[in-house]
Amino acid sequence: MQSDVTIRDVMTREYVGVSESDTVLDVVGLMRQEETGCVVVLRGSDPVGILTEWDVLGVVADESSPRETTAASVMSDPVLTVSPDQQLRTAAGKMSRENIRRLVVIENGEVVGVLNERDVIAAAASFRRPEEPAPPSSAAGNQHDSRIAAGPNGEEYSDQSVCETCGSLSDTLREYNGQLVCTECREV
């Protein structure tokens, strides 16, 4: 990933905020209306958590009532934040280490956006010029490090990619049985 790219360059500036007391049913309706996979849960203007599609699935799996369940009771917390002026590489590493897909972007104490996996992947993909071929892969079954440190002209590309099995962002992908997979998927 290019080292001069900041979070501000790629973050999603529009985000949806909800209150801790909002019901999951109301939050899901808002998520559908706004076509988003997550909302930032706010206490006043302070982010206290993130509620994602995955959290909503937990409500369904637990057979809880979305009409009675509050955002605060199912949100992921504490919310992990980054500054928009940090390098994208730093945020991608934090997402990978913490095994999360979204970070709330804070500037001067206010939420200014969300950085999600798709933002990171889109940014990493844009670093490769169309005329450049993809890096060679080894034969199926052989394990090799899929991270790319530098291209043919010395420019950096990415030290993270997407697992072809679970879709998560990882900096430890290896080719296994013809797919690039993360550590967790190799253990299955």
C-alpha atoms as a PDB file:
ATOM      1  CA  MET A   1       0.000   0.000   0.000  1.00  0.00           C
ATOM      2  CA  GLN A   2       1.417   3.403  -0.828  1.00  0.00           C
ATOM      3  CA  SER A   3       2.799   4.964   2.331  1.00  0.00           C
ATOM      4  CA  ASP A   4       1.627   8.508   1.598  1.00  0.00           C
ATOM      5  CA  VAL A   5      -2.082   7.629   1.404  1.00  0.00           C
ATOM      6  CA  THR A   6      -3.994   8.836   4.446  1.00  0.00           C
ATOM      7  CA  ILE A   7      -7.276   7.674   5.897  1.00  0.00           C
ATOM      8  CA  ARG A   8      -8.803  10.992   4.821  1.00  0.00           C
ATOM      9  CA  ASP A   9      -8.010  10.100   1.187  1.00  0.00           C
ATOM     10  CA  VAL A  10     -10.196   6.982   1.200  1.00  0.00           C
ATOM     11  CA  MET A  11     -12.597   7.055   4.157  1.00  0.00           C
ATOM     12  CA  THR A  12     -16.357   7.109   3.776  1.00  0.00           C
ATOM     13  CA  ARG A  13     -17.373  10.574   4.916  1.00  0.00           C
ATOM     14  CA  GLU A  14     -21.075   9.911   5.183  1.00  0.00           C
ATOM     15  CA  TYR A  15     -22.093   7.757   8.108  1.00  0.00           C
ATOM     16  CA  VAL A  16     -25.308   6.966   9.922  1.00  0.00           C
ATOM     17  CA  GLY A  17     -25.507   7.683  13.637  1.00  0.00           C
ATOM     18  CA  VAL A  18     -28.058   6.257  16.076  1.00  0.00           C
ATOM     19  CA  SER A  19     -28.718   6.546  19.795  1.00  0.00           C
ATOM     20  CA  GLU A  20     -27.987   3.808  22.316  1.00  0.00           C
ATOM     21  CA  SER A  21     -31.701   3.653  23.132  1.00  0.00           C
ATOM     22  CA  ASP A  22     -32.865   3.131  19.536  1.00  0.00           C
ATOM     23  CA  THR A  23     -34.374  -0.297  18.968  1.00  0.00           C
ATOM     24  CA  VAL A  24     -32.722  -2.778  16.653  1.00  0.00           C
ATOM     25  CA  LEU A  25     -35.892  -2.751  14.549  1.00  0.00           C
ATOM     26  CA  ASP A  26     -35.603   1.033  14.060  1.00  0.00           C
ATOM     27  CA  VAL A  27     -31.858   0.760  13.367  1.00  0.00           C
ATOM     28  CA  VAL A  28     -32.389  -1.961  10.741  1.00  0.00           C
ATOM     29  CA  GLY A  29     -35.033   0.192   9.045  1.00  0.00           C
ATOM     30  CA  LEU A  30     -32.575   3.103   8.949  1.00  0.00           C
ATOM     31  CA  MET A  31     -29.764   0.863   7.677  1.00  0.00           C
ATOM     32  CA  ARG A  32     -31.979  -0.325   4.829  1.00  0.00           C
ATOM     33  CA  GLN A  33     -33.130   3.201   4.020  1.00  0.00           C
ATOM     34  CA  GLU A  34     -29.565   4.528   3.968  1.00  0.00           C
ATOM     35  CA  GLU A  35     -28.197   1.374   2.291  1.00  0.00           C
ATOM     36  CA  THR A  36     -25.434   0.858   4.828  1.00  0.00           C
ATOM     37  CA  GLY A  37     -24.061  -2.181   6.613  1.00  0.00           C
ATOM     38  CA  CYS A  38     -23.262  -0.390   9.867  1.00  0.00           C
ATOM     39  CA  VAL A  39     -24.239   2.529  12.053  1.00  0.00           C
ATOM     40  CA  VAL A  40     -22.216   4.462  14.621  1.00  0.00           C
ATOM     41  CA  VAL A  41     -23.885   4.369  18.030  1.00  0.00           C
ATOM     42  CA  LEU A  42     -23.600   7.781  19.665  1.00  0.00           C
ATOM     43  CA  ARG A  43     -24.005   9.114  23.189  1.00  0.00           C
ATOM     44  CA  GLY A  44     -24.609  12.744  22.361  1.00  0.00           C
ATOM     45  CA  SER A  45     -21.912  13.296  19.749  1.00  0.00           C
ATOM     46  CA  ASP A  46     -19.472  10.750  21.205  1.00  0.00           C
ATOM     47  CA  PRO A  47     -19.177   7.367  19.471  1.00  0.00           C
ATOM     48  CA  VAL A  48     -19.661   4.527  21.941  1.00  0.00           C
ATOM     49  CA  GLY A  49     -20.054   1.585  19.574  1.00  0.00           C
ATOM     50  CA  ILE A  50     -20.794   0.273  16.116  1.00  0.00           C
ATOM     51  CA  LEU A  51     -23.810  -1.807  15.202  1.00  0.00           C
ATOM     52  CA  THR A  52     -23.375  -3.943  12.097  1.00  0.00           C
ATOM     53  CA  GLU A  53     -25.353  -6.423  10.032  1.00  0.00           C
ATOM     54  CA  TRP A  54     -23.499  -9.125  11.968  1.00  0.00           C
ATOM     55  CA  ASP A  55     -24.798  -7.759  15.294  1.00  0.00           C
ATOM     56  CA  VAL A  56     -28.347  -7.788  13.897  1.00  0.00           C
ATOM     57  CA  LEU A  57     -27.900 -11.427  12.869  1.00  0.00           C
ATOM     58  CA  GLY A  58     -26.994 -12.141  16.494  1.00  0.00           C
ATOM     59  CA  VAL A  59     -30.365 -10.746  17.606  1.00  0.00           C
ATOM     60  CA  VAL A  60     -32.122 -13.035  15.143  1.00  0.00           C
ATOM     61  CA  ALA A  61     -30.015 -16.067  16.121  1.00  0.00           C
ATOM     62  CA  ASP A  62     -30.735 -15.449  19.814  1.00  0.00           C
ATOM     63  CA  GLU A  63     -34.428 -15.198  18.961  1.00  0.00           C
ATOM     64  CA  SER A  64     -34.543 -11.809  20.693  1.00  0.00           C
ATOM     65  CA  SER A  65     -37.178  -9.249  19.784  1.00  0.00           C
ATOM     66  CA  PRO A  66     -35.711  -6.520  17.556  1.00  0.00           C
ATOM     67  CA  ARG A  67     -38.613  -4.308  18.671  1.00  0.00           C
ATOM     68  CA  GLU A  68     -37.481  -4.547  22.317  1.00  0.00           C
ATOM     69  CA  THR A  69     -33.703  -4.900  21.933  1.00  0.00           C
ATOM     70  CA  THR A  70     -31.714  -1.651  22.094  1.00  0.00           C
ATOM     71  CA  ALA A  71     -28.703  -0.720  20.008  1.00  0.00           C
ATOM     72  CA  ALA A  72     -26.624  -0.458  23.204  1.00  0.00           C
ATOM     73  CA  SER A  73     -27.302  -4.082  24.106  1.00  0.00           C
ATOM     74  CA  VAL A  74     -25.978  -5.529  20.837  1.00  0.00           C
ATOM     75  CA  MET A  75     -23.458  -2.977  19.532  1.00  0.00           C
ATOM     76  CA  SER A  76     -19.774  -3.790  19.281  1.00  0.00           C
ATOM     77  CA  ASP A  77     -17.830  -1.768  21.811  1.00  0.00           C
ATOM     78  CA  PRO A  78     -15.568  -0.143  22.646  1.00  0.00           C
ATOM     79  CA  VAL A  79     -15.478   1.699  19.356  1.00  0.00           C
ATOM     80  CA  LEU A  80     -12.025   1.774  17.784  1.00  0.00           C
ATOM     81  CA  THR A  81     -11.074   5.121  16.280  1.00  0.00           C
ATOM     82  CA  VAL A  82      -8.427   6.609  14.044  1.00  0.00           C
ATOM     83  CA  SER A  83      -7.435  10.084  12.937  1.00  0.00           C
ATOM     84  CA  PRO A  84      -8.039  11.048   9.291  1.00  0.00           C
ATOM     85  CA  ASP A  85      -4.404  12.134   8.968  1.00  0.00           C
ATOM     86  CA  GLN A  86      -2.981   8.719   9.888  1.00  0.00           C
ATOM     87  CA  GLN A  87      -1.531   6.589   7.131  1.00  0.00           C
ATOM     88  CA  LEU A  88      -3.933   4.109   5.579  1.00  0.00           C
ATOM     89  CA  ARG A  89      -1.327   1.401   6.159  1.00  0.00           C
ATOM     90  CA  THR A  90      -1.589   1.998   9.922  1.00  0.00           C
ATOM     91  CA  ALA A  91      -5.385   1.697   9.899  1.00  0.00           C
ATOM     92  CA  ALA A  92      -5.306  -1.451   7.741  1.00  0.00           C
ATOM     93  CA  GLY A  93      -2.866  -3.023  10.181  1.00  0.00           C
ATOM     94  CA  LYS A  94      -5.106  -2.105  13.116  1.00  0.00           C
ATOM     95  CA  MET A  95      -8.127  -3.606  11.370  1.00  0.00           C
ATOM     96  CA  SER A  96      -6.221  -6.808  10.694  1.00  0.00           C
ATOM     97  CA  ARG A  97      -4.791  -7.108  14.225  1.00  0.00           C
ATOM     98  CA  GLU A  98      -8.142  -6.406  15.889  1.00  0.00           C
ATOM     99  CA  ASN A  99     -10.040  -8.574  13.366  1.00  0.00           C
ATOM    100  CA  ILE A 100     -12.528  -5.809  12.621  1.00  0.00           C
ATOM    101  CA  ARG A 101     -13.931  -4.404   9.396  1.00  0.00           C
ATOM    102  CA  ARG A 102     -14.621  -0.798  10.364  1.00  0.00           C
ATOM    103  CA  LEU A 103     -12.949   2.051  12.229  1.00  0.00           C
ATOM    104  CA  VAL A 104     -14.614   5.315  13.243  1.00  0.00           C
ATOM    105  CA  VAL A 105     -12.672   8.352  12.052  1.00  0.00           C
ATOM    106  CA  ILE A 106     -12.425  11.151  14.635  1.00  0.00           C
ATOM    107  CA  GLU A 107     -11.074  14.673  14.106  1.00  0.00           C
ATOM    108  CA  ASN A 108     -11.078  17.360  16.799  1.00  0.00           C
ATOM    109  CA  GLY A 109     -13.305  15.160  18.958  1.00  0.00           C
ATOM    110  CA  GLU A 110     -15.991  14.712  16.279  1.00  0.00           C
ATOM    111  CA  VAL A 111     -16.911  11.785  14.061  1.00  0.00           C
ATOM    112  CA  VAL A 112     -16.006  12.700  10.476  1.00  0.00           C
ATOM    113  CA  GLY A 113     -16.505   9.322   8.828  1.00  0.00           C
ATOM    114  CA  VAL A 114     -15.941   5.589   8.849  1.00  0.00           C
ATOM    115  CA  LEU A 115     -13.113   3.605   7.311  1.00  0.00           C
ATOM    116  CA  ASN A 116     -14.258   0.171   6.215  1.00  0.00           C
ATOM    117  CA  GLU A 117     -12.638  -2.836   4.570  1.00  0.00           C
ATOM    118  CA  ARG A 118     -14.003  -1.877   1.179  1.00  0.00           C
ATOM    119  CA  ASP A 119     -12.327   1.533   1.390  1.00  0.00           C
ATOM    120  CA  VAL A 120      -9.000  -0.166   2.121  1.00  0.00           C
ATOM    121  CA  ILE A 121      -9.419  -2.771  -0.622  1.00  0.00           C
ATOM    122  CA  ALA A 122     -10.427  -0.158  -3.204  1.00  0.00           C
ATOM    123  CA  ALA A 123      -7.416   1.967  -2.291  1.00  0.00           C
ATOM    124  CA  ALA A 124      -5.030  -0.994  -2.493  1.00  0.00           C
ATOM    125  CA  ALA A 125      -6.463  -2.039  -5.862  1.00  0.00           C
ATOM    126  CA  SER A 126      -5.977   1.456  -7.272  1.00  0.00           C
ATOM    127  CA  PHE A 127      -2.220   1.311  -6.660  1.00  0.00           C
ATOM    128  CA  ARG A 128      -1.710  -1.230  -9.443  1.00  0.00           C
ATOM    129  CA  ARG A 129      -1.567   0.269 -12.883  1.00  0.00           C
ATOM    130  CA  PRO A 130      -3.795  -1.561 -15.411  1.00  0.00           C
ATOM    131  CA  GLU A 131      -0.851  -2.550 -17.589  1.00  0.00           C
ATOM    132  CA  GLU A 132       0.899  -4.288 -14.701  1.00  0.00           C
ATOM    133  CA  PRO A 133       0.319  -8.032 -14.431  1.00  0.00           C
ATOM    134  CA  ALA A 134      -0.763  -9.602 -11.177  1.00  0.00           C
ATOM    135  CA  PRO A 135       2.051 -11.194  -9.186  1.00  0.00           C
ATOM    136  CA  PRO A 136       2.701 -14.841 -10.046  1.00  0.00           C
ATOM    137  CA  SER A 137       1.249 -17.464  -7.734  1.00  0.00           C
ATOM    138  CA  SER A 138       2.723 -20.803  -6.893  1.00  0.00           C
ATOM    139  CA  ALA A 139       1.228 -24.164  -7.773  1.00  0.00           C
ATOM    140  CA  ALA A 140      -1.865 -25.286  -5.852  1.00  0.00           C
ATOM    141  CA  GLY A 141      -1.060 -26.719  -2.461  1.00  0.00           C
ATOM    142  CA  ASN A 142       2.204 -24.827  -2.057  1.00  0.00           C
ATOM    143  CA  GLN A 143       2.187 -22.176   0.608  1.00  0.00           C
ATOM    144  CA  HIS A 144       3.827 -18.836  -0.057  1.00  0.00           C
ATOM    145  CA  ASP A 145       3.569 -15.337   1.311  1.00  0.00           C
ATOM    146  CA  SER A 146       1.025 -13.408  -0.776  1.00  0.00           C
ATOM    147  CA  ARG A 147       2.042  -9.994   0.521  1.00  0.00           C
ATOM    148  CA  ILE A 148       3.465  -7.630  -2.058  1.00  0.00           C
ATOM    149  CA  ALA A 149       6.194  -5.353  -0.777  1.00  0.00           C
ATOM    150  CA  ALA A 150       7.151  -3.536  -3.967  1.00  0.00           C
ATOM    151  CA  GLY A 151       6.361  -3.594  -7.648  1.00  0.00           C
ATOM    152  CA  PRO A 152       8.795  -3.760 -10.553  1.00  0.00           C
ATOM    153  CA  ASN A 153       9.489  -0.026 -10.352  1.00  0.00           C
ATOM    154  CA  GLY A 154       9.897   0.003  -6.576  1.00  0.00           C
ATOM    155  CA  GLU A 155       6.433   1.384  -5.775  1.00  0.00           C
ATOM    156  CA  GLU A 156       4.630  -0.166  -2.821  1.00  0.00           C
ATOM    157  CA  TYR A 157       1.335  -1.952  -3.325  1.00  0.00           C
ATOM    158  CA  SER A 158      -0.147  -3.752  -0.382  1.00  0.00           C
ATOM    159  CA  ASP A 159       0.731  -5.888   2.540  1.00  0.00           C
ATOM    160  CA  GLN A 160      -2.866  -7.071   2.943  1.00  0.00           C
ATOM    161  CA  SER A 161      -5.408  -8.845   0.802  1.00  0.00           C
ATOM    162  CA  VAL A 162      -8.814 -10.460   1.067  1.00  0.00           C
ATOM    163  CA  CYS A 163      -9.200 -14.105   2.110  1.00  0.00           C
ATOM    164  CA  GLU A 164     -10.886 -16.005  -0.724  1.00  0.00           C
ATOM    165  CA  THR A 165     -12.752 -18.202   1.769  1.00  0.00           C
ATOM    166  CA  CYS A 166     -14.169 -15.829   4.409  1.00  0.00           C
ATOM    167  CA  GLY A 167     -13.648 -12.429   2.734  1.00  0.00           C
ATOM    168  CA  SER A 168     -11.760 -10.833   5.642  1.00  0.00           C
ATOM    169  CA  LEU A 169      -8.813  -8.492   5.253  1.00  0.00           C
ATOM    170  CA  SER A 170      -5.565 -10.158   6.310  1.00  0.00           C
ATOM    171  CA  ASP A 171      -1.844  -9.599   6.060  1.00  0.00           C
ATOM    172  CA  THR A 172      -1.074 -13.311   6.463  1.00  0.00           C
ATOM    173  CA  LEU A 173      -2.661 -14.897   3.401  1.00  0.00           C
ATOM    174  CA  ARG A 174      -1.113 -18.057   2.031  1.00  0.00           C
ATOM    175  CA  GLU A 175      -1.997 -20.046  -1.049  1.00  0.00           C
ATOM    176  CA  TYR A 176      -3.579 -23.329  -0.050  1.00  0.00           C
ATOM    177  CA  ASN A 177      -5.396 -25.679  -2.422  1.00  0.00           C
ATOM    178  CA  GLY A 178      -5.439 -23.009  -5.116  1.00  0.00           C
ATOM    179  CA  GLN A 179      -6.919 -20.245  -2.930  1.00  0.00           C
ATOM    180  CA  LEU A 180      -5.405 -17.400  -0.929  1.00  0.00           C
ATOM    181  CA  VAL A 181      -6.673 -17.966   2.618  1.00  0.00           C
ATOM    182  CA  CYS A 182      -6.149 -16.423   6.069  1.00  0.00           C
ATOM    183  CA  THR A 183      -4.774 -18.265   9.081  1.00  0.00           C
ATOM    184  CA  GLU A 184      -8.234 -19.014  10.492  1.00  0.00           C
ATOM    185  CA  CYS A 185      -9.470 -20.575   7.232  1.00  0.00           C
ATOM    186  CA  ARG A 186      -6.321 -22.700   6.874  1.00  0.00           C
ATOM    187  CA  GLU A 187      -7.032 -24.206  10.285  1.00  0.00           C
ATOM    188  CA  VAL A 188     -10.567 -25.315   9.341  1.00  0.00           C
END
